[in-house]
Structure formats: C-alpha cells, structure tokens
Amino acid sequence: QVQLVESGGGLVQAGGSLRLSCAASGITISDAAMAWHRQAPGKQREWVAVMSSGGSTTYTDSVKGRFTISRDNAKNLVYLQMNSLKPEDTAVYYCFSVIWGASNWGQGTQVTVSS
C-alpha cells in the first residue's frame, strides 16, 4: 500500500522560502516518477515539478528558476525547495507518484504567501 505524506507547508511572506517534504512508503521513490502539484482556491489542480525515476526534472514555467525538486533515496523522501515565493504561489501542494502504471496522491500541505 502506497502512502505519501507531505509536510513543511506554512505561512511565509512574499520573497521568502519554504521546503516541502514528501515521505513515501510502499514504494521506492527512485523507481517512480515523483511530482508536486498544487491547487489554489477556485482553480484546477496543476502540476508544478516532476522528477523521473532517472532523475531528470521538469518545471512548469511559473516556477522555473525559483523551485527545485529533489530526492533523498536513502530516506525515501522527495523535496520541493521553493524560493522567492509570490502570493500567487498560495495553494495546497500535493505529492504525487507514478510507478508500474499506478498513481497515488498525498493529502496535501497548505502554503500561504502573504504580500
């Protein structure tokens, strides 16, 4: 049974930084494609950053140069380092995995950026 648990969200001022963590169980993250998505109030969920099992990364345009997805294989953790945060980054952030054709979501963590 796959479980993804996010942590690290909170309230931060514009220009600040946060690091989100995703603790995975039931899968080995280095065997999976791992991603972060977010959903702002009244908006559809959107993908933010993806890391393939091979370690390549892709970012949505609005976060390029500010966000970094990474992983710690030994700890089976995935991170999202978020710098230069903007009010429009306010959303619930979700960890997402795809492995062997099956996908899973975490419960989400709230990030609020004040202006």
C-alpha atoms as a PDB file:
ATOM      1  CA  GLN A   1       0.000   0.000   0.000  1.00  0.00           C
ATOM      2  CA  VAL A   2       1.466   3.304  -1.112  1.00  0.00           C
ATOM      3  CA  GLN A   3       1.355   6.253   1.230  1.00  0.00           C
ATOM      4  CA  LEU A   4       2.643   9.761   0.580  1.00  0.00           C
ATOM      5  CA  VAL A   5       2.777  12.231   3.453  1.00  0.00           C
ATOM      6  CA  GLU A   6       3.625  15.882   2.847  1.00  0.00           C
ATOM      7  CA  SER A   7       4.983  18.298   5.402  1.00  0.00           C
ATOM      8  CA  GLY A   8       6.656  21.686   5.527  1.00  0.00           C
ATOM      9  CA  GLY A   9       3.855  23.983   4.470  1.00  0.00           C
ATOM     10  CA  GLY A  10       3.016  27.161   6.290  1.00  0.00           C
ATOM     11  CA  LEU A  11       2.677  30.918   6.114  1.00  0.00           C
ATOM     12  CA  VAL A  12       5.529  32.927   4.625  1.00  0.00           C
ATOM     13  CA  GLN A  13       5.983  36.472   3.386  1.00  0.00           C
ATOM     14  CA  ALA A  14       6.493  37.197  -0.279  1.00  0.00           C
ATOM     15  CA  GLY A  15      10.123  36.704  -1.214  1.00  0.00           C
ATOM     16  CA  GLY A  16      10.589  34.037   1.418  1.00  0.00           C
ATOM     17  CA  SER A  17      11.351  30.347   1.141  1.00  0.00           C
ATOM     18  CA  LEU A  18       9.863  27.045   2.210  1.00  0.00           C
ATOM     19  CA  ARG A  19      10.906  23.447   1.735  1.00  0.00           C
ATOM     20  CA  LEU A  20       8.220  20.834   1.373  1.00  0.00           C
ATOM     21  CA  SER A  21       8.902  17.182   2.086  1.00  0.00           C
ATOM     22  CA  CYS A  22       7.099  14.081   0.873  1.00  0.00           C
ATOM     23  CA  ALA A  23       7.684  10.884   2.828  1.00  0.00           C
ATOM     24  CA  ALA A  24       6.896   7.843   0.729  1.00  0.00           C
ATOM     25  CA  SER A  25       6.121   4.354   1.949  1.00  0.00           C
ATOM     26  CA  GLY A  26       5.169   1.304  -0.046  1.00  0.00           C
ATOM     27  CA  ILE A  27       7.321   2.387  -2.996  1.00  0.00           C
ATOM     28  CA  THR A  28      10.947   3.156  -3.676  1.00  0.00           C
ATOM     29  CA  ILE A  29      10.989   6.721  -4.965  1.00  0.00           C
ATOM     30  CA  SER A  30      13.967   6.111  -7.231  1.00  0.00           C
ATOM     31  CA  ASP A  31      11.836   3.590  -9.121  1.00  0.00           C
ATOM     32  CA  ALA A  32       8.971   6.047  -9.542  1.00  0.00           C
ATOM     33  CA  ALA A  33       8.180   9.286 -11.274  1.00  0.00           C
ATOM     34  CA  MET A  34       7.569  11.763  -8.477  1.00  0.00           C
ATOM     35  CA  ALA A  35       5.856  15.109  -8.796  1.00  0.00           C
ATOM     36  CA  TRP A  36       4.465  18.058  -6.951  1.00  0.00           C
ATOM     37  CA  HIS A  37       1.116  19.534  -7.877  1.00  0.00           C
ATOM     38  CA  ARG A  38      -0.779  22.423  -6.373  1.00  0.00           C
ATOM     39  CA  GLN A  39      -4.331  23.658  -6.197  1.00  0.00           C
ATOM     40  CA  ALA A  40      -5.216  27.242  -5.441  1.00  0.00           C
ATOM     41  CA  PRO A  41      -8.685  28.228  -4.199  1.00  0.00           C
ATOM     42  CA  GLY A  42     -11.183  28.175  -7.048  1.00  0.00           C
ATOM     43  CA  LYS A  43      -8.663  26.810  -9.516  1.00  0.00           C
ATOM     44  CA  GLN A  44      -7.877  23.433 -11.011  1.00  0.00           C
ATOM     45  CA  ARG A  45      -5.009  21.365  -9.703  1.00  0.00           C
ATOM     46  CA  GLU A  46      -1.848  21.954 -11.724  1.00  0.00           C
ATOM     47  CA  TRP A  47       1.481  20.224 -11.914  1.00  0.00           C
ATOM     48  CA  VAL A  48       4.454  22.143 -10.600  1.00  0.00           C
ATOM     49  CA  ALA A  49       7.537  19.934 -10.838  1.00  0.00           C
ATOM     50  CA  VAL A  50       8.335  16.401 -11.928  1.00  0.00           C
ATOM     51  CA  MET A  51      11.307  14.142 -11.346  1.00  0.00           C
ATOM     52  CA  SER A  52      11.620  10.980 -13.392  1.00  0.00           C
ATOM     53  CA  SER A  53      12.957   7.746 -11.990  1.00  0.00           C
ATOM     54  CA  GLY A  54      16.174   8.581 -13.820  1.00  0.00           C
ATOM     55  CA  GLY A  55      16.453  11.899 -12.027  1.00  0.00           C
ATOM     56  CA  SER A  56      15.584  14.314 -14.804  1.00  0.00           C
ATOM     57  CA  THR A  57      13.424  17.256 -13.770  1.00  0.00           C
ATOM     58  CA  THR A  58      10.803  19.423 -15.400  1.00  0.00           C
ATOM     59  CA  TYR A  59       9.089  22.541 -14.096  1.00  0.00           C
ATOM     60  CA  THR A  60       6.050  24.492 -15.035  1.00  0.00           C
ATOM     61  CA  ASP A  61       7.002  27.898 -16.438  1.00  0.00           C
ATOM     62  CA  SER A  62       5.709  29.914 -13.498  1.00  0.00           C
ATOM     63  CA  VAL A  63       8.159  28.319 -11.047  1.00  0.00           C
ATOM     64  CA  LYS A  64      11.253  27.854 -13.209  1.00  0.00           C
ATOM     65  CA  GLY A  65      14.307  29.297 -11.519  1.00  0.00           C
ATOM     66  CA  ARG A  66      12.528  29.519  -8.164  1.00  0.00           C
ATOM     67  CA  PHE A  67      11.523  25.949  -7.262  1.00  0.00           C
ATOM     68  CA  THR A  68      13.680  22.835  -7.159  1.00  0.00           C
ATOM     69  CA  ILE A  69      12.515  19.249  -6.869  1.00  0.00           C
ATOM     70  CA  SER A  70      14.960  16.777  -5.400  1.00  0.00           C
ATOM     71  CA  ARG A  71      15.017  13.452  -3.635  1.00  0.00           C
ATOM     72  CA  ASP A  72      16.922  11.611  -0.945  1.00  0.00           C
ATOM     73  CA  ASN A  73      16.921   7.971  -1.989  1.00  0.00           C
ATOM     74  CA  ALA A  74      18.343   6.782   1.325  1.00  0.00           C
ATOM     75  CA  LYS A  75      15.480   8.398   3.236  1.00  0.00           C
ATOM     76  CA  ASN A  76      12.867   7.806   0.521  1.00  0.00           C
ATOM     77  CA  LEU A  77      11.980  11.494   0.651  1.00  0.00           C
ATOM     78  CA  VAL A  78      11.101  13.935  -2.100  1.00  0.00           C
ATOM     79  CA  TYR A  79      11.544  17.658  -1.579  1.00  0.00           C
ATOM     80  CA  LEU A  80      10.310  20.832  -3.158  1.00  0.00           C
ATOM     81  CA  GLN A  81      12.518  23.805  -2.344  1.00  0.00           C
ATOM     82  CA  MET A  82      10.565  26.973  -3.007  1.00  0.00           C
ATOM     83  CA  ASN A  83      12.396  30.298  -3.133  1.00  0.00           C
ATOM     84  CA  SER A  84      11.302  33.823  -3.993  1.00  0.00           C
ATOM     85  CA  LEU A  85       7.743  32.904  -3.147  1.00  0.00           C
ATOM     86  CA  LYS A  86       4.927  35.022  -4.514  1.00  0.00           C
ATOM     87  CA  PRO A  87       1.323  35.434  -3.320  1.00  0.00           C
ATOM     88  CA  GLU A  88       0.198  33.563  -6.431  1.00  0.00           C
ATOM     89  CA  ASP A  89       2.072  30.506  -5.153  1.00  0.00           C
ATOM     90  CA  THR A  90      -0.534  30.198  -2.407  1.00  0.00           C
ATOM     91  CA  ALA A  91      -2.127  26.764  -2.735  1.00  0.00           C
ATOM     92  CA  VAL A  92      -2.388  23.297  -1.296  1.00  0.00           C
ATOM     93  CA  TYR A  93       0.633  21.369  -2.508  1.00  0.00           C
ATOM     94  CA  TYR A  94       0.330  17.662  -3.211  1.00  0.00           C
ATOM     95  CA  CYS A  95       2.917  14.959  -3.652  1.00  0.00           C
ATOM     96  CA  PHE A  96       2.205  12.531  -6.494  1.00  0.00           C
ATOM     97  CA  SER A  97       3.788   9.279  -7.593  1.00  0.00           C
ATOM     98  CA  VAL A  98       3.514   7.057 -10.633  1.00  0.00           C
ATOM     99  CA  ILE A  99       5.014   3.599 -10.636  1.00  0.00           C
ATOM    100  CA  TRP A 100       4.135   0.484 -12.621  1.00  0.00           C
ATOM    101  CA  GLY A 101       1.091   2.284 -14.067  1.00  0.00           C
ATOM    102  CA  ALA A 102      -0.395   3.139 -10.694  1.00  0.00           C
ATOM    103  CA  SER A 103      -0.647   6.653  -9.324  1.00  0.00           C
ATOM    104  CA  ASN A 104      -1.022   7.936  -5.784  1.00  0.00           C
ATOM    105  CA  TRP A 105      -1.613  11.283  -4.084  1.00  0.00           C
ATOM    106  CA  GLY A 106      -0.682  12.631  -0.721  1.00  0.00           C
ATOM    107  CA  GLN A 107      -3.147  14.527   1.448  1.00  0.00           C
ATOM    108  CA  GLY A 108      -1.601  17.909   0.709  1.00  0.00           C
ATOM    109  CA  THR A 109       0.029  20.673   2.687  1.00  0.00           C
ATOM    110  CA  GLN A 110      -1.076  24.309   2.703  1.00  0.00           C
ATOM    111  CA  VAL A 111       1.309  27.022   1.557  1.00  0.00           C
ATOM    112  CA  THR A 112       0.212  30.611   2.086  1.00  0.00           C
ATOM    113  CA  VAL A 113       2.297  33.520   0.830  1.00  0.00           C
ATOM    114  CA  SER A 114       1.391  36.937   2.167  1.00  0.00           C
ATOM    115  CA  SER A 115       2.098  40.149   0.279  1.00  0.00           C
END
